[in-house]
Each structure stands twice: as structure tokens, then as C-alpha cells.
Amino acid sequence: MVTGLLMDLKKIFADLASTLILGKNKDAAALAMDLSEKSRALAEELAK
């Protein structure tokens, strides 16, 4: 589970970087929300 969450975070970070470089702020905002949710899920999983 943790490995899957880390891979998801890696993909979201890459997508976020590319959207910010391209100046797509609305898309970046949605990705930031996804990043927040995945980070919280990872923190909860690690706390177990």
C-alpha cells in the first residue's frame, strides 16, 4: 500500500510540475488537491 501511494505521489508531482511549467493554473490546482489527498493517505498509512 505504501509503495503504491509513493508511486502515485511521484506521478502527481511530475504532472504538477509540467502543468505549472505550461502555465495551466486550473489544472495545477486540481493536481494540488490530489496531492494533498494522497499525502494525507500516506501519512495515515505510515501512522499505523
N, C-alpha and C. Protein backbone atom coordinates (compact mmCIF):
# COMPACT_ATOMS: atom_id res chain seq x y z
N MET A 1 0.82 -1.20 0.00
CA MET A 1 0.00 0.00 0.00
C MET A 1 0.86 1.26 0.00
N VAL A 2 1.88 1.28 0.83
CA VAL A 2 2.75 2.46 0.93
C VAL A 2 3.48 2.68 -0.39
N THR A 3 3.96 1.61 -1.00
CA THR A 3 4.69 1.73 -2.26
C THR A 3 3.78 2.31 -3.33
N GLY A 4 2.55 1.85 -3.38
CA GLY A 4 1.59 2.38 -4.35
C GLY A 4 1.32 3.86 -4.14
N LEU A 5 1.19 4.26 -2.88
CA LEU A 5 0.96 5.67 -2.59
C LEU A 5 2.17 6.52 -2.98
N LEU A 6 3.36 6.00 -2.74
CA LEU A 6 4.56 6.75 -3.14
C LEU A 6 4.65 6.89 -4.65
N MET A 7 4.29 5.85 -5.37
CA MET A 7 4.30 5.93 -6.83
C MET A 7 3.26 6.93 -7.32
N ASP A 8 2.09 6.94 -6.68
CA ASP A 8 1.06 7.93 -7.03
C ASP A 8 1.56 9.35 -6.78
N LEU A 9 2.21 9.56 -5.65
CA LEU A 9 2.74 10.88 -5.33
C LEU A 9 3.79 11.32 -6.35
N LYS A 10 4.64 10.39 -6.75
CA LYS A 10 5.67 10.70 -7.74
C LYS A 10 5.03 11.15 -9.05
N LYS A 11 3.99 10.45 -9.48
CA LYS A 11 3.30 10.79 -10.72
C LYS A 11 2.62 12.15 -10.60
N ILE A 12 1.98 12.40 -9.46
CA ILE A 12 1.29 13.68 -9.28
C ILE A 12 2.29 14.83 -9.27
N PHE A 13 3.44 14.65 -8.60
CA PHE A 13 4.47 15.70 -8.60
C PHE A 13 4.94 16.00 -10.02
N ALA A 14 5.15 14.97 -10.81
CA ALA A 14 5.59 15.17 -12.20
C ALA A 14 4.53 15.90 -13.00
N ASP A 15 3.28 15.48 -12.85
CA ASP A 15 2.18 16.14 -13.56
C ASP A 15 2.04 17.59 -13.12
N LEU A 16 2.17 17.82 -11.82
CA LEU A 16 2.05 19.18 -11.29
C LEU A 16 3.16 20.07 -11.83
N ALA A 17 4.37 19.58 -11.86
CA ALA A 17 5.49 20.36 -12.38
C ALA A 17 5.26 20.72 -13.85
N SER A 18 4.82 19.76 -14.65
CA SER A 18 4.62 20.04 -16.06
C SER A 18 3.48 21.02 -16.30
N THR A 19 2.40 20.92 -15.51
CA THR A 19 1.29 21.86 -15.70
C THR A 19 1.68 23.26 -15.26
N LEU A 20 2.49 23.37 -14.20
CA LEU A 20 2.94 24.69 -13.77
C LEU A 20 3.88 25.31 -14.81
N ILE A 21 4.73 24.49 -15.40
CA ILE A 21 5.64 24.98 -16.44
C ILE A 21 4.85 25.49 -17.64
N LEU A 22 3.78 24.78 -17.97
CA LEU A 22 2.95 25.18 -19.11
C LEU A 22 1.97 26.31 -18.78
N GLY A 23 1.88 26.66 -17.50
CA GLY A 23 1.03 27.76 -17.09
C GLY A 23 -0.45 27.41 -16.98
N LYS A 24 -0.75 26.15 -16.81
CA LYS A 24 -2.14 25.72 -16.68
C LYS A 24 -2.52 25.70 -15.20
N ASN A 25 -2.85 26.87 -14.69
CA ASN A 25 -3.07 27.02 -13.24
C ASN A 25 -4.29 26.27 -12.74
N LYS A 26 -5.38 26.21 -13.53
CA LYS A 26 -6.56 25.47 -13.07
C LYS A 26 -6.25 23.99 -12.94
N ASP A 27 -5.54 23.44 -13.92
CA ASP A 27 -5.15 22.04 -13.84
C ASP A 27 -4.21 21.81 -12.67
N ALA A 28 -3.32 22.75 -12.42
CA ALA A 28 -2.38 22.63 -11.31
C ALA A 28 -3.11 22.64 -9.98
N ALA A 29 -4.17 23.42 -9.87
CA ALA A 29 -4.94 23.46 -8.63
C ALA A 29 -5.60 22.11 -8.36
N ALA A 30 -6.12 21.48 -9.39
CA ALA A 30 -6.73 20.16 -9.23
C ALA A 30 -5.69 19.13 -8.83
N LEU A 31 -4.52 19.20 -9.43
CA LEU A 31 -3.44 18.28 -9.08
C LEU A 31 -2.96 18.50 -7.65
N ALA A 32 -2.93 19.75 -7.22
CA ALA A 32 -2.53 20.05 -5.84
C ALA A 32 -3.51 19.44 -4.85
N MET A 33 -4.78 19.45 -5.18
CA MET A 33 -5.79 18.82 -4.33
C MET A 33 -5.56 17.31 -4.27
N ASP A 34 -5.29 16.69 -5.42
CA ASP A 34 -4.99 15.26 -5.46
C ASP A 34 -3.75 14.95 -4.62
N LEU A 35 -2.75 15.80 -4.75
CA LEU A 35 -1.51 15.63 -3.99
C LEU A 35 -1.78 15.69 -2.49
N SER A 36 -2.62 16.60 -2.09
CA SER A 36 -2.97 16.73 -0.68
C SER A 36 -3.66 15.47 -0.17
N GLU A 37 -4.60 14.96 -0.94
CA GLU A 37 -5.33 13.75 -0.53
C GLU A 37 -4.41 12.54 -0.44
N LYS A 38 -3.52 12.38 -1.42
CA LYS A 38 -2.60 11.24 -1.41
C LYS A 38 -1.60 11.37 -0.27
N SER A 39 -1.14 12.58 0.00
CA SER A 39 -0.20 12.79 1.10
C SER A 39 -0.83 12.44 2.43
N ARG A 40 -2.11 12.83 2.61
CA ARG A 40 -2.82 12.51 3.83
C ARG A 40 -3.00 11.00 3.97
N ALA A 41 -3.33 10.34 2.86
CA ALA A 41 -3.49 8.89 2.90
C ALA A 41 -2.17 8.20 3.24
N LEU A 42 -1.07 8.71 2.70
CA LEU A 42 0.24 8.14 3.01
C LEU A 42 0.57 8.34 4.49
N ALA A 43 0.30 9.53 5.02
CA ALA A 43 0.57 9.80 6.42
C ALA A 43 -0.25 8.87 7.33
N GLU A 44 -1.50 8.66 6.97
CA GLU A 44 -2.34 7.77 7.77
C GLU A 44 -1.83 6.33 7.70
N GLU A 45 -1.39 5.92 6.53
CA GLU A 45 -0.86 4.55 6.37
C GLU A 45 0.43 4.37 7.16
N LEU A 46 1.28 5.36 7.16
CA LEU A 46 2.55 5.27 7.88
C LEU A 46 2.34 5.33 9.40
N ALA A 47 1.26 5.97 9.82
CA ALA A 47 0.98 6.09 11.25
C ALA A 47 0.50 4.78 11.85
N LYS A 48 0.09 3.84 11.04
CA LYS A 48 -0.43 2.55 11.54
C LYS A 48 0.67 1.70 12.12
